[in-house]
Amino acid sequence: MSPAVLRHLVLLRFRPEALAADIASIEGAFAALRHQIDSVRDLEWGTDVSPEGLAKGFTHVFMLSFADDAGRDHYLPHPLHQAFVARLQPLLDDVLVIDYRTSSKD
């Protein structure tokens, strides 16, 4: 069994008045954190494409991977992450964050 990875899952729902250009800027800024904060092992993101209609208005998902809690704990208060959060706040209607450890059972 491979070692567990800590995942930090972030779902975003933007305010209705958020402009497409502003959302695109947020997408790029969030994705850039992967290369700006060394404890982020991986970051992938996308937008909702589910045909089920259960997203409750959340349109964007970002999944960050960390080697362990210490990596995540370094990321959360990091000045670059906090600057990003401050930039995001005016456009944000809601956010859902879940951290979990991967597991695999064969």
N, C-alpha and C. Protein backbone atom coordinates (compact mmCIF):
# COMPACT_ATOMS: atom_id res chain seq x y z
N MET A 1 0.85 -1.17 0.00
CA MET A 1 0.00 0.00 0.00
C MET A 1 0.90 1.24 0.00
N SER A 2 0.57 2.23 -0.84
CA SER A 2 1.36 3.46 -0.89
C SER A 2 1.01 4.36 0.29
N PRO A 3 1.96 5.22 0.69
CA PRO A 3 1.69 6.09 1.83
C PRO A 3 0.55 7.07 1.54
N ALA A 4 -0.20 7.40 2.56
CA ALA A 4 -1.31 8.33 2.42
C ALA A 4 -0.80 9.71 2.06
N VAL A 5 -1.57 10.42 1.27
CA VAL A 5 -1.31 11.79 0.90
C VAL A 5 -2.42 12.63 1.50
N LEU A 6 -2.09 13.81 1.98
CA LEU A 6 -3.12 14.70 2.51
C LEU A 6 -3.64 15.57 1.38
N ARG A 7 -4.94 15.49 1.14
CA ARG A 7 -5.59 16.30 0.11
C ARG A 7 -6.37 17.44 0.78
N HIS A 8 -6.32 18.59 0.14
CA HIS A 8 -7.03 19.79 0.60
C HIS A 8 -7.94 20.18 -0.55
N LEU A 9 -9.22 19.90 -0.41
CA LEU A 9 -10.20 20.10 -1.47
C LEU A 9 -10.96 21.39 -1.21
N VAL A 10 -10.97 22.28 -2.21
CA VAL A 10 -11.60 23.59 -2.07
C VAL A 10 -12.61 23.77 -3.19
N LEU A 11 -13.87 23.98 -2.82
CA LEU A 11 -14.93 24.25 -3.79
C LEU A 11 -15.36 25.70 -3.64
N LEU A 12 -15.49 26.40 -4.77
CA LEU A 12 -15.82 27.82 -4.76
C LEU A 12 -17.15 28.08 -5.46
N ARG A 13 -17.92 28.98 -4.86
CA ARG A 13 -19.13 29.50 -5.50
C ARG A 13 -18.95 31.02 -5.54
N PHE A 14 -18.93 31.56 -6.75
CA PHE A 14 -18.70 32.99 -6.92
C PHE A 14 -20.01 33.77 -6.84
N ARG A 15 -19.89 35.02 -6.46
CA ARG A 15 -21.06 35.91 -6.43
C ARG A 15 -21.59 36.06 -7.86
N PRO A 16 -22.90 36.21 -7.99
CA PRO A 16 -23.48 36.35 -9.34
C PRO A 16 -22.90 37.53 -10.12
N GLU A 17 -22.50 38.59 -9.43
CA GLU A 17 -21.98 39.77 -10.11
C GLU A 17 -20.49 39.66 -10.45
N ALA A 18 -19.84 38.57 -10.09
CA ALA A 18 -18.42 38.39 -10.41
C ALA A 18 -18.25 38.31 -11.92
N LEU A 19 -17.34 39.10 -12.43
CA LEU A 19 -17.09 39.13 -13.87
C LEU A 19 -16.24 37.94 -14.30
N ALA A 20 -16.45 37.47 -15.52
CA ALA A 20 -15.71 36.33 -16.04
C ALA A 20 -14.20 36.59 -16.01
N ALA A 21 -13.78 37.81 -16.32
CA ALA A 21 -12.35 38.13 -16.31
C ALA A 21 -11.78 38.04 -14.90
N ASP A 22 -12.56 38.46 -13.91
CA ASP A 22 -12.10 38.38 -12.52
C ASP A 22 -11.99 36.92 -12.07
N ILE A 23 -12.95 36.10 -12.47
CA ILE A 23 -12.91 34.67 -12.13
C ILE A 23 -11.71 34.01 -12.80
N ALA A 24 -11.45 34.34 -14.04
CA ALA A 24 -10.29 33.79 -14.75
C ALA A 24 -8.99 34.19 -14.04
N SER A 25 -8.94 35.40 -13.54
CA SER A 25 -7.77 35.86 -12.81
C SER A 25 -7.58 35.06 -11.52
N ILE A 26 -8.67 34.76 -10.84
CA ILE A 26 -8.62 33.96 -9.62
C ILE A 26 -8.14 32.54 -9.94
N GLU A 27 -8.65 31.97 -11.04
CA GLU A 27 -8.21 30.63 -11.44
C GLU A 27 -6.69 30.58 -11.61
N GLY A 28 -6.16 31.56 -12.31
CA GLY A 28 -4.72 31.60 -12.55
C GLY A 28 -3.92 31.81 -11.27
N ALA A 29 -4.43 32.69 -10.41
CA ALA A 29 -3.73 32.98 -9.16
C ALA A 29 -3.73 31.76 -8.23
N PHE A 30 -4.85 31.06 -8.17
CA PHE A 30 -4.91 29.86 -7.32
C PHE A 30 -3.97 28.80 -7.86
N ALA A 31 -4.03 28.55 -9.16
CA ALA A 31 -3.17 27.53 -9.77
C ALA A 31 -1.69 27.86 -9.58
N ALA A 32 -1.35 29.14 -9.57
CA ALA A 32 0.05 29.56 -9.43
C ALA A 32 0.62 29.24 -8.05
N LEU A 33 -0.24 29.08 -7.05
CA LEU A 33 0.25 28.78 -5.70
C LEU A 33 1.08 27.50 -5.68
N ARG A 34 0.80 26.60 -6.60
CA ARG A 34 1.56 25.34 -6.66
C ARG A 34 3.05 25.61 -6.82
N HIS A 35 3.38 26.61 -7.59
CA HIS A 35 4.79 26.91 -7.87
C HIS A 35 5.36 27.96 -6.92
N GLN A 36 4.52 28.53 -6.09
CA GLN A 36 4.96 29.60 -5.21
C GLN A 36 5.16 29.16 -3.77
N ILE A 37 4.51 28.08 -3.38
CA ILE A 37 4.61 27.60 -2.00
C ILE A 37 5.13 26.17 -2.05
N ASP A 38 6.32 25.97 -1.51
CA ASP A 38 7.03 24.70 -1.71
C ASP A 38 6.38 23.48 -1.06
N SER A 39 5.51 23.67 -0.08
CA SER A 39 4.89 22.51 0.55
C SER A 39 3.74 21.93 -0.28
N VAL A 40 3.30 22.64 -1.32
CA VAL A 40 2.25 22.12 -2.21
C VAL A 40 2.91 21.13 -3.16
N ARG A 41 2.57 19.85 -3.00
CA ARG A 41 3.16 18.82 -3.87
C ARG A 41 2.51 18.79 -5.24
N ASP A 42 1.20 19.04 -5.26
CA ASP A 42 0.45 19.01 -6.51
C ASP A 42 -0.79 19.86 -6.35
N LEU A 43 -1.27 20.41 -7.46
CA LEU A 43 -2.50 21.17 -7.46
C LEU A 43 -3.16 20.95 -8.81
N GLU A 44 -4.41 20.54 -8.75
CA GLU A 44 -5.18 20.44 -9.99
C GLU A 44 -6.52 21.09 -9.75
N TRP A 45 -7.14 21.55 -10.82
CA TRP A 45 -8.42 22.22 -10.66
C TRP A 45 -9.25 22.07 -11.93
N GLY A 46 -10.52 22.36 -11.78
CA GLY A 46 -11.42 22.33 -12.90
C GLY A 46 -12.76 22.95 -12.51
N THR A 47 -13.66 22.96 -13.47
CA THR A 47 -14.99 23.50 -13.23
C THR A 47 -16.02 22.37 -13.35
N ASP A 48 -17.15 22.57 -12.71
CA ASP A 48 -18.19 21.56 -12.66
C ASP A 48 -18.70 21.21 -14.06
N VAL A 49 -18.71 19.93 -14.37
CA VAL A 49 -19.26 19.44 -15.63
C VAL A 49 -20.26 18.31 -15.38
N SER A 50 -20.67 18.16 -14.14
CA SER A 50 -21.57 17.06 -13.79
C SER A 50 -22.96 17.28 -14.37
N PRO A 51 -23.56 16.23 -14.96
CA PRO A 51 -24.92 16.34 -15.46
C PRO A 51 -25.97 16.16 -14.37
N GLU A 52 -25.55 15.86 -13.13
CA GLU A 52 -26.50 15.57 -12.06
C GLU A 52 -27.20 16.79 -11.48
N GLY A 53 -26.59 17.97 -11.61
CA GLY A 53 -27.20 19.17 -11.09
C GLY A 53 -27.20 19.25 -9.57
N LEU A 54 -26.19 18.68 -8.92
CA LEU A 54 -26.14 18.64 -7.46
C LEU A 54 -25.03 19.53 -6.89
N ALA A 55 -24.46 20.40 -7.69
CA ALA A 55 -23.31 21.20 -7.26
C ALA A 55 -23.68 22.36 -6.34
N LYS A 56 -24.95 22.63 -6.18
CA LYS A 56 -25.42 23.69 -5.28
C LYS A 56 -24.75 25.03 -5.56
N GLY A 57 -24.49 25.30 -6.83
CA GLY A 57 -23.91 26.58 -7.23
C GLY A 57 -22.39 26.64 -7.18
N PHE A 58 -21.75 25.61 -6.64
CA PHE A 58 -20.29 25.57 -6.64
C PHE A 58 -19.83 25.25 -8.06
N THR A 59 -18.95 26.07 -8.58
CA THR A 59 -18.54 25.92 -9.98
C THR A 59 -17.09 25.48 -10.14
N HIS A 60 -16.25 25.75 -9.14
CA HIS A 60 -14.82 25.50 -9.26
C HIS A 60 -14.35 24.59 -8.13
N VAL A 61 -13.47 23.66 -8.49
CA VAL A 61 -12.86 22.79 -7.48
C VAL A 61 -11.35 22.82 -7.67
N PHE A 62 -10.65 22.97 -6.56
CA PHE A 62 -9.19 22.95 -6.53
C PHE A 62 -8.78 21.88 -5.54
N MET A 63 -7.89 20.99 -5.97
CA MET A 63 -7.40 19.94 -5.09
C MET A 63 -5.90 20.08 -4.95
N LEU A 64 -5.48 20.36 -3.72
CA LEU A 64 -4.07 20.49 -3.41
C LEU A 64 -3.62 19.24 -2.68
N SER A 65 -2.41 18.81 -2.92
CA SER A 65 -1.85 17.64 -2.26
C SER A 65 -0.64 18.05 -1.44
N PHE A 66 -0.55 17.48 -0.25
CA PHE A 66 0.56 17.73 0.66
C PHE A 66 1.10 16.39 1.14
N ALA A 67 2.37 16.35 1.48
CA ALA A 67 2.97 15.12 1.98
C ALA A 67 2.40 14.75 3.34
N ASP A 68 2.04 15.77 4.12
CA ASP A 68 1.59 15.52 5.49
C ASP A 68 0.92 16.77 6.06
N ASP A 69 0.49 16.68 7.30
CA ASP A 69 -0.16 17.81 7.96
C ASP A 69 0.76 19.02 8.03
N ALA A 70 2.05 18.78 8.25
CA ALA A 70 2.99 19.89 8.36
C ALA A 70 3.03 20.71 7.07
N GLY A 71 2.94 20.05 5.93
CA GLY A 71 2.91 20.75 4.65
C GLY A 71 1.69 21.63 4.52
N ARG A 72 0.54 21.07 4.87
CA ARG A 72 -0.70 21.86 4.84
C ARG A 72 -0.64 22.99 5.85
N ASP A 73 -0.10 22.70 7.02
CA ASP A 73 -0.03 23.71 8.07
C ASP A 73 0.94 24.84 7.70
N HIS A 74 1.90 24.56 6.84
CA HIS A 74 2.79 25.59 6.32
C HIS A 74 2.05 26.44 5.28
N TYR A 75 1.23 25.80 4.46
CA TYR A 75 0.50 26.47 3.38
C TYR A 75 -0.58 27.43 3.89
N LEU A 76 -1.38 26.98 4.85
CA LEU A 76 -2.55 27.77 5.26
C LEU A 76 -2.21 29.20 5.68
N PRO A 77 -1.24 29.42 6.56
CA PRO A 77 -0.94 30.80 6.96
C PRO A 77 0.10 31.50 6.07
N HIS A 78 0.58 30.80 5.06
CA HIS A 78 1.63 31.36 4.21
C HIS A 78 1.17 32.71 3.65
N PRO A 79 2.04 33.71 3.65
CA PRO A 79 1.64 35.05 3.17
C PRO A 79 1.09 35.06 1.74
N LEU A 80 1.62 34.23 0.86
CA LEU A 80 1.10 34.19 -0.52
C LEU A 80 -0.30 33.59 -0.57
N HIS A 81 -0.56 32.58 0.26
CA HIS A 81 -1.91 32.02 0.33
C HIS A 81 -2.87 33.04 0.93
N GLN A 82 -2.45 33.71 1.98
CA GLN A 82 -3.31 34.70 2.62
C GLN A 82 -3.59 35.88 1.68
N ALA A 83 -2.62 36.29 0.89
CA ALA A 83 -2.84 37.36 -0.10
C ALA A 83 -3.85 36.91 -1.15
N PHE A 84 -3.75 35.64 -1.56
CA PHE A 84 -4.73 35.10 -2.51
C PHE A 84 -6.13 35.11 -1.91
N VAL A 85 -6.27 34.67 -0.67
CA VAL A 85 -7.58 34.64 0.00
C VAL A 85 -8.17 36.04 0.05
N ALA A 86 -7.36 37.03 0.36
CA ALA A 86 -7.84 38.41 0.42
C ALA A 86 -8.33 38.88 -0.96
N ARG A 87 -7.65 38.45 -2.00
CA ARG A 87 -8.05 38.80 -3.37
C ARG A 87 -9.36 38.09 -3.76
N LEU A 88 -9.53 36.88 -3.28
CA LEU A 88 -10.71 36.07 -3.60
C LEU A 88 -11.96 36.54 -2.88
N GLN A 89 -11.83 36.96 -1.63
CA GLN A 89 -12.98 37.25 -0.77
C GLN A 89 -14.06 38.12 -1.42
N PRO A 90 -13.73 39.24 -2.08
CA PRO A 90 -14.79 40.09 -2.64
C PRO A 90 -15.64 39.42 -3.72
N LEU A 91 -15.10 38.37 -4.35
CA LEU A 91 -15.81 37.68 -5.43
C LEU A 91 -16.55 36.44 -4.94
N LEU A 92 -16.30 36.05 -3.72
CA LEU A 92 -16.75 34.76 -3.20
C LEU A 92 -18.13 34.82 -2.58
N ASP A 93 -18.99 33.92 -3.01
CA ASP A 93 -20.30 33.77 -2.39
C ASP A 93 -20.24 32.72 -1.28
N ASP A 94 -19.51 31.62 -1.54
CA ASP A 94 -19.37 30.56 -0.55
C ASP A 94 -18.16 29.70 -0.90
N VAL A 95 -17.66 29.01 0.11
CA VAL A 95 -16.53 28.11 -0.07
C VAL A 95 -16.77 26.88 0.79
N LEU A 96 -16.34 25.74 0.30
CA LEU A 96 -16.40 24.48 1.04
C LEU A 96 -15.00 23.89 0.99
N VAL A 97 -14.45 23.58 2.16
CA VAL A 97 -13.10 23.02 2.24
C VAL A 97 -13.15 21.72 3.02
N ILE A 98 -12.56 20.69 2.45
CA ILE A 98 -12.47 19.38 3.09
C ILE A 98 -11.04 18.88 2.93
N ASP A 99 -10.46 18.44 4.03
CA ASP A 99 -9.15 17.79 3.99
C ASP A 99 -9.36 16.30 4.27
N TYR A 100 -8.63 15.49 3.53
CA TYR A 100 -8.72 14.04 3.76
C TYR A 100 -7.41 13.39 3.40
N ARG A 101 -7.20 12.23 3.96
CA ARG A 101 -6.04 11.41 3.64
C ARG A 101 -6.47 10.35 2.65
N THR A 102 -5.66 10.14 1.64
CA THR A 102 -5.98 9.13 0.65
C THR A 102 -5.84 7.75 1.28
N SER A 103 -6.62 6.85 0.78
CA SER A 103 -6.48 5.46 1.20
C SER A 103 -6.73 4.58 -0.01
N SER A 104 -6.06 3.47 -0.03
CA SER A 104 -6.30 2.52 -1.10
C SER A 104 -6.37 1.13 -0.50
N LYS A 105 -7.39 0.44 -0.86
CA LYS A 105 -7.53 -0.94 -0.44
C LYS A 105 -7.66 -1.78 -1.69
N ASP A 106 -6.80 -2.73 -1.79
CA ASP A 106 -6.82 -3.59 -2.97
C ASP A 106 -7.77 -4.75 -2.77
